[in-house]
Amino acid sequence: MEEGRRNSADGVFAHLERLEAQAREVALKQEKIKQQEEKRARLKARVRELKLQRDKLRAKVHLQQKQLREKKVMSDPAKHSARAVLEWKIKNIKAMLQVSYLAGISGKRTKQGVCFCISTAYEGTYLDSYYLHLLVKPEVQIHQHSVPTFIPLEQIAKKYLQTDIGRFLSVLSDHLNAYAGRRYQADQLQEHFSDQIEGTLQRNSLCNLLVFNYKVSSKSKTFPFHVRLLYGDLCCSLPTEVNVSCTPDAPASLAEMAAAHSDLFSRVALHKAFRSFGSAEESVDGAP
């Protein structure tokens, strides 16, 4: 009898030690997530600051362009029109290079025009760079580029290239950064959460449509969730339409979980949403 009580006590202590270890592990993970969120907040503040500087410089450039155009109109248009247009283009490009640098766009003048490099990043992680060579004579046109075919480069160029090169580069950069962010999230999900994904994560070239299944647990049973994420805004790395559904035989509580997951997917990066799912499950499992 006494030996049985000792064994029972040892079992209780061992269980408590396991719970304490799990609690410490969860606390460490939560602290790590908190530090990552603080870093992300600092980076976002820095991005806002740089964008404000960029907007001020862009406004200054636009004012200079307007003054230059007014000055040229007052001179003899028949004598100076072609030369004035070329000078305006060159001055516009020089001023734009200064503004674009703050937005991850760098450029270098060539004999024929300007070669731009658009660097992409997502939440402080550098991703890919794309190159664009513009000719300025006799009119601004795209000579060579490495922009993916599924990015609507021609439509953007048709809308902005001849009238506002700075705006053209800014919109193109928004498209490329959003695409890079969506692709990065999908890659992170496959790399770090493959054990939760059932089957293959389906995505198109533009990564603006993701479809996949993942597993959730309830009362010692596992149920699949089906997800469809549509990114209607191609300049955004978060989905505009989210649909998360569970099987008909799933418990009623899972319908509430699906709604909560759906809300999280619309606000948080995909891999970070899955990381928070894992932390929540560990907290539940570690509870006495």
Protein backbone atom coordinates (compact mmCIF):
# COMPACT_ATOMS: atom_id res chain seq x y z
CA MET A 1 0.00 0.00 0.00
CA GLU A 2 2.76 2.44 1.04
CA GLU A 3 4.76 1.59 -2.08
CA GLY A 4 1.69 2.29 -4.20
CA ARG A 5 1.30 5.73 -2.60
CA ARG A 6 4.98 6.49 -3.31
CA ASN A 7 4.56 5.48 -6.94
CA SER A 8 1.43 7.59 -7.19
CA ALA A 9 3.25 10.60 -5.68
CA ASP A 10 6.19 10.10 -8.05
CA GLY A 11 3.75 10.04 -10.96
CA VAL A 12 2.12 13.29 -9.82
CA PHE A 13 5.51 15.00 -9.43
CA ALA A 14 6.63 13.77 -12.85
CA HIS A 15 3.41 15.09 -14.38
CA LEU A 16 3.90 18.46 -12.64
CA GLU A 17 7.47 18.65 -13.94
CA ARG A 18 6.23 17.99 -17.47
CA LEU A 19 3.60 20.70 -17.11
CA GLU A 20 6.20 23.16 -15.78
CA ALA A 21 8.52 22.34 -18.69
CA GLN A 22 5.69 22.84 -21.18
CA ALA A 23 4.75 26.13 -19.49
CA ARG A 24 8.35 27.36 -19.71
CA GLU A 25 8.54 26.39 -23.36
CA VAL A 26 5.28 28.19 -24.15
CA ALA A 27 6.48 31.28 -22.23
CA LEU A 28 9.74 31.32 -24.20
CA LYS A 29 7.89 31.03 -27.50
CA GLN A 30 5.45 33.76 -26.50
CA GLU A 31 8.38 36.03 -25.52
CA LYS A 32 10.03 35.34 -28.88
CA ILE A 33 6.81 36.19 -30.71
CA LYS A 34 6.50 39.38 -28.63
CA GLN A 35 10.06 40.42 -29.56
CA GLN A 36 9.34 39.72 -33.24
CA GLU A 37 6.17 41.83 -33.08
CA GLU A 38 8.09 44.69 -31.42
CA LYS A 39 10.75 44.50 -34.13
CA ARG A 40 8.07 44.48 -36.79
CA ALA A 41 6.45 47.56 -35.21
CA ARG A 42 9.79 49.39 -35.26
CA LEU A 43 10.34 48.46 -38.91
CA LYS A 44 6.83 49.60 -39.82
CA ALA A 45 7.45 52.94 -38.08
CA ARG A 46 10.68 53.32 -40.05
CA VAL A 47 8.87 52.49 -43.29
CA ARG A 48 6.22 55.13 -42.51
CA GLU A 49 8.97 57.66 -41.84
CA LEU A 50 10.73 56.88 -45.11
CA LYS A 51 7.48 56.99 -47.07
CA LEU A 52 6.75 60.42 -45.58
CA GLN A 53 10.19 61.63 -46.69
CA ARG A 54 9.57 60.13 -50.12
CA ASP A 55 6.19 61.86 -50.45
CA LYS A 56 7.69 65.22 -49.47
CA LEU A 57 10.48 64.83 -52.01
CA ARG A 58 8.00 63.71 -54.66
CA ALA A 59 5.85 66.79 -54.03
CA LYS A 60 8.95 68.96 -54.36
CA VAL A 61 9.88 67.28 -57.63
CA HIS A 62 6.38 67.75 -59.01
CA LEU A 63 6.53 71.45 -58.13
CA GLN A 64 9.88 71.80 -59.89
CA GLN A 65 8.49 70.01 -62.93
CA LYS A 66 5.50 72.34 -63.05
CA GLN A 67 7.73 75.41 -62.80
CA LEU A 68 9.99 74.05 -65.52
CA ARG A 69 7.04 73.42 -67.86
CA GLU A 70 5.69 76.93 -67.27
CA LYS A 71 9.12 78.39 -67.97
CA LYS A 72 9.41 76.48 -71.24
CA VAL A 73 5.97 77.60 -72.38
CA MET A 74 7.05 81.23 -72.04
CA SER A 75 10.07 80.65 -74.33
CA ASP A 76 9.93 80.11 -78.10
CA PRO A 77 8.27 76.65 -78.48
CA ALA A 78 9.22 76.26 -82.15
CA LYS A 79 12.91 76.82 -81.41
CA HIS A 80 13.30 75.03 -78.14
CA SER A 81 10.49 72.45 -77.83
CA ALA A 82 12.47 69.27 -78.66
CA ARG A 83 15.49 70.31 -76.60
CA ALA A 84 13.31 71.47 -73.73
CA VAL A 85 11.45 68.15 -73.64
CA LEU A 86 14.72 66.21 -73.53
CA GLU A 87 16.13 68.44 -70.77
CA TRP A 88 12.91 68.06 -68.83
CA LYS A 89 13.11 64.27 -69.10
CA ILE A 90 16.72 64.21 -67.87
CA LYS A 91 16.00 66.59 -64.97
CA ASN A 92 12.89 64.61 -64.10
CA ILE A 93 14.88 61.36 -64.00
CA LYS A 94 17.64 62.87 -61.82
CA ALA A 95 15.13 64.16 -59.29
CA MET A 96 13.20 60.91 -59.39
CA LEU A 97 16.31 58.85 -58.61
CA GLN A 98 16.68 60.72 -55.35
CA VAL A 99 13.06 60.05 -54.39
CA SER A 100 12.97 56.43 -55.53
CA TYR A 101 16.00 55.40 -53.47
CA LEU A 102 13.92 55.74 -50.30
CA ALA A 103 11.37 53.25 -51.66
CA GLY A 104 13.86 50.47 -52.46
CA ILE A 105 14.44 51.67 -56.02
CA SER A 106 17.91 52.58 -57.24
CA GLY A 107 18.98 53.73 -60.67
CA LYS A 108 22.01 54.43 -62.79
CA ARG A 109 22.19 56.54 -65.92
CA THR A 110 23.33 54.81 -69.11
CA LYS A 111 24.21 56.14 -72.56
CA GLN A 112 20.68 55.47 -73.74
CA GLY A 113 18.67 56.20 -70.61
CA VAL A 114 18.43 54.82 -67.07
CA CYS A 115 18.69 51.32 -65.60
CA PHE A 116 16.57 50.84 -62.46
CA CYS A 117 16.79 48.15 -59.79
CA ILE A 118 13.62 47.50 -57.75
CA SER A 119 14.39 45.60 -54.54
CA THR A 120 11.60 43.74 -52.75
CA ALA A 121 11.26 42.85 -49.07
CA TYR A 122 8.63 41.58 -46.66
CA GLU A 123 8.56 42.68 -43.02
CA GLY A 124 12.29 43.38 -42.96
CA THR A 125 13.34 40.28 -44.94
CA TYR A 126 15.09 41.09 -48.22
CA LEU A 127 13.73 39.00 -51.08
CA ASP A 128 14.38 39.55 -54.82
CA SER A 129 15.47 42.37 -57.11
CA TYR A 130 14.14 43.19 -60.57
CA TYR A 131 15.75 45.30 -63.27
CA LEU A 132 14.29 47.75 -65.76
CA HIS A 133 16.16 49.64 -68.51
CA LEU A 134 14.37 52.73 -69.79
CA LEU A 135 15.23 54.68 -72.93
CA VAL A 136 14.52 58.43 -72.91
CA LYS A 137 15.00 59.28 -76.61
CA PRO A 138 12.96 59.96 -78.65
CA GLU A 139 10.34 59.06 -76.00
CA VAL A 140 10.43 57.14 -72.74
CA GLN A 141 10.13 53.42 -73.43
CA ILE A 142 11.05 50.09 -71.82
CA HIS A 143 14.15 48.60 -73.48
CA GLN A 144 14.82 45.52 -71.29
CA HIS A 145 13.50 44.19 -68.00
CA SER A 146 13.40 41.15 -65.68
CA VAL A 147 9.87 41.73 -64.38
CA PRO A 148 7.84 38.45 -64.31
CA THR A 149 5.37 38.08 -67.18
CA PHE A 150 2.36 37.86 -64.85
CA ILE A 151 2.99 41.35 -63.43
CA PRO A 152 0.87 43.83 -65.48
CA LEU A 153 3.89 45.85 -66.62
CA GLU A 154 2.40 46.92 -69.96
CA GLN A 155 -0.80 48.25 -68.37
CA ILE A 156 1.16 50.18 -65.73
CA ALA A 157 3.50 51.61 -68.39
CA LYS A 158 0.60 52.63 -70.61
CA LYS A 159 -1.01 54.51 -67.74
CA TYR A 160 2.02 56.28 -66.22
CA LEU A 161 5.28 55.93 -68.17
CA GLN A 162 4.88 58.92 -70.52
CA THR A 163 3.41 61.30 -67.95
CA ASP A 164 4.94 60.39 -64.57
CA ILE A 165 7.95 58.07 -64.40
CA GLY A 166 8.07 58.31 -60.62
CA ARG A 167 4.48 57.16 -60.31
CA PHE A 168 5.17 54.37 -62.83
CA LEU A 169 8.06 53.04 -60.71
CA SER A 170 6.11 53.41 -57.46
CA VAL A 171 3.11 51.40 -58.75
CA LEU A 172 5.38 48.76 -60.29
CA SER A 173 7.28 48.49 -56.99
CA ASP A 174 3.98 48.05 -55.09
CA HIS A 175 3.00 45.17 -57.41
CA LEU A 176 6.40 43.47 -57.10
CA ASN A 177 6.61 43.83 -53.31
CA ALA A 178 3.07 42.52 -52.83
CA TYR A 179 3.78 39.52 -55.07
CA ALA A 180 7.06 38.82 -53.25
CA GLY A 181 5.26 39.05 -49.89
CA ARG A 182 2.52 36.62 -50.92
CA ARG A 183 5.05 34.13 -52.32
CA TYR A 184 7.22 34.43 -49.19
CA GLN A 185 4.26 33.63 -46.92
CA ALA A 186 3.35 30.55 -48.96
CA ASP A 187 6.98 29.37 -48.94
CA GLN A 188 7.23 29.85 -45.17
CA LEU A 189 4.01 27.91 -44.65
CA GLN A 190 5.28 24.94 -46.69
CA GLU A 191 8.72 25.04 -45.08
CA HIS A 192 7.75 25.30 -41.40
CA PHE A 193 4.22 23.86 -41.17
CA SER A 194 4.24 20.98 -43.65
CA ASP A 195 3.23 18.59 -40.85
CA GLN A 196 -0.09 20.44 -40.51
CA ILE A 197 -0.80 20.75 -44.23
CA GLU A 198 -2.73 17.91 -45.86
CA GLY A 199 -1.90 17.32 -49.50
CA THR A 200 -0.45 20.02 -51.73
CA LEU A 201 -0.72 23.77 -51.26
CA GLN A 202 -2.12 25.01 -54.58
CA ARG A 203 -1.13 28.45 -55.84
CA ASN A 204 -0.98 30.24 -59.17
CA SER A 205 2.04 32.07 -60.60
CA LEU A 206 0.96 35.43 -59.17
CA CYS A 207 0.28 33.84 -55.77
CA ASN A 208 -2.99 35.73 -55.52
CA LEU A 209 -4.98 32.51 -55.07
CA LEU A 210 -4.03 29.89 -52.45
CA VAL A 211 -5.99 26.72 -51.74
CA PHE A 212 -4.98 24.11 -49.13
CA ASN A 213 -6.16 21.86 -46.30
CA TYR A 214 -4.76 21.71 -42.77
CA LYS A 215 -5.43 19.65 -39.67
CA VAL A 216 -7.00 20.78 -36.40
CA SER A 217 -7.60 18.68 -33.27
CA SER A 218 -10.66 18.49 -31.07
CA LYS A 219 -11.27 16.01 -28.26
CA SER A 220 -8.39 13.75 -29.35
CA LYS A 221 -9.67 13.65 -32.93
CA THR A 222 -8.27 15.33 -36.02
CA PHE A 223 -10.39 17.19 -38.56
CA PRO A 224 -9.38 18.89 -41.83
CA PHE A 225 -10.01 22.58 -42.53
CA HIS A 226 -10.31 23.66 -46.16
CA VAL A 227 -8.93 27.14 -46.98
CA ARG A 228 -9.30 29.40 -50.00
CA LEU A 229 -7.48 32.75 -49.96
CA LEU A 230 -8.06 35.29 -52.73
CA TYR A 231 -5.86 38.38 -53.00
CA GLY A 232 -8.05 40.73 -55.02
CA ASP A 233 -5.75 43.72 -54.48
CA LEU A 234 -2.55 42.89 -56.39
CA CYS A 235 -0.71 45.62 -54.49
CA CYS A 236 -1.44 43.96 -51.14
CA SER A 237 0.08 40.91 -49.42
CA LEU A 238 -3.03 40.15 -47.32
CA PRO A 239 -6.11 38.42 -48.78
CA THR A 240 -9.29 40.31 -49.60
CA GLU A 241 -11.45 37.16 -49.47
CA VAL A 242 -10.98 34.33 -46.95
CA ASN A 243 -12.98 31.14 -46.75
CA VAL A 244 -12.27 28.52 -44.08
CA SER A 245 -14.61 25.54 -43.82
CA CYS A 246 -14.69 22.21 -41.97
CA THR A 247 -16.29 18.86 -42.73
CA PRO A 248 -20.00 18.30 -41.93
CA ASP A 249 -19.17 15.70 -39.25
CA ALA A 250 -16.93 18.10 -37.31
CA PRO A 251 -18.03 19.25 -33.82
CA ALA A 252 -19.99 22.51 -33.64
CA SER A 253 -17.11 24.15 -31.75
CA LEU A 254 -14.93 23.80 -34.84
CA ALA A 255 -17.22 26.11 -36.79
CA GLU A 256 -16.35 28.87 -34.31
CA MET A 257 -12.67 27.98 -34.65
CA ALA A 258 -12.94 28.19 -38.45
CA ALA A 259 -14.44 31.68 -38.16
CA ALA A 260 -11.63 32.75 -35.82
CA HIS A 261 -9.00 31.36 -38.19
CA SER A 262 -10.68 33.12 -41.11
CA ASP A 263 -10.47 36.45 -39.30
CA LEU A 264 -6.80 35.88 -38.45
CA PHE A 265 -5.87 34.99 -42.04
CA SER A 266 -7.33 38.32 -43.20
CA ARG A 267 -5.19 40.33 -40.75
CA VAL A 268 -1.94 38.42 -40.18
CA ALA A 269 0.72 36.93 -42.44
CA LEU A 270 -0.08 33.31 -43.26
CA HIS A 271 2.90 31.69 -41.50
CA LYS A 272 2.42 33.90 -38.42
CA ALA A 273 -1.22 32.85 -38.20
CA PHE A 274 -0.15 29.19 -38.14
CA ARG A 275 2.47 29.95 -35.52
CA SER A 276 -0.21 31.47 -33.28
CA PHE A 277 -2.38 28.36 -33.81
CA GLY A 278 0.47 26.20 -32.52
CA SER A 279 1.02 28.41 -29.47
CA ALA A 280 -2.69 28.31 -28.62
CA GLU A 281 -2.81 24.51 -28.90
CA GLU A 282 0.26 24.10 -26.69
CA SER A 283 -1.28 26.40 -24.06
CA VAL A 284 -4.43 24.27 -24.05
CA ASP A 285 -2.47 21.00 -23.90
CA GLY A 286 -0.33 22.29 -21.04
CA ALA A 287 -3.25 23.46 -18.94
CA PRO A 288 -3.91 21.38 -15.76
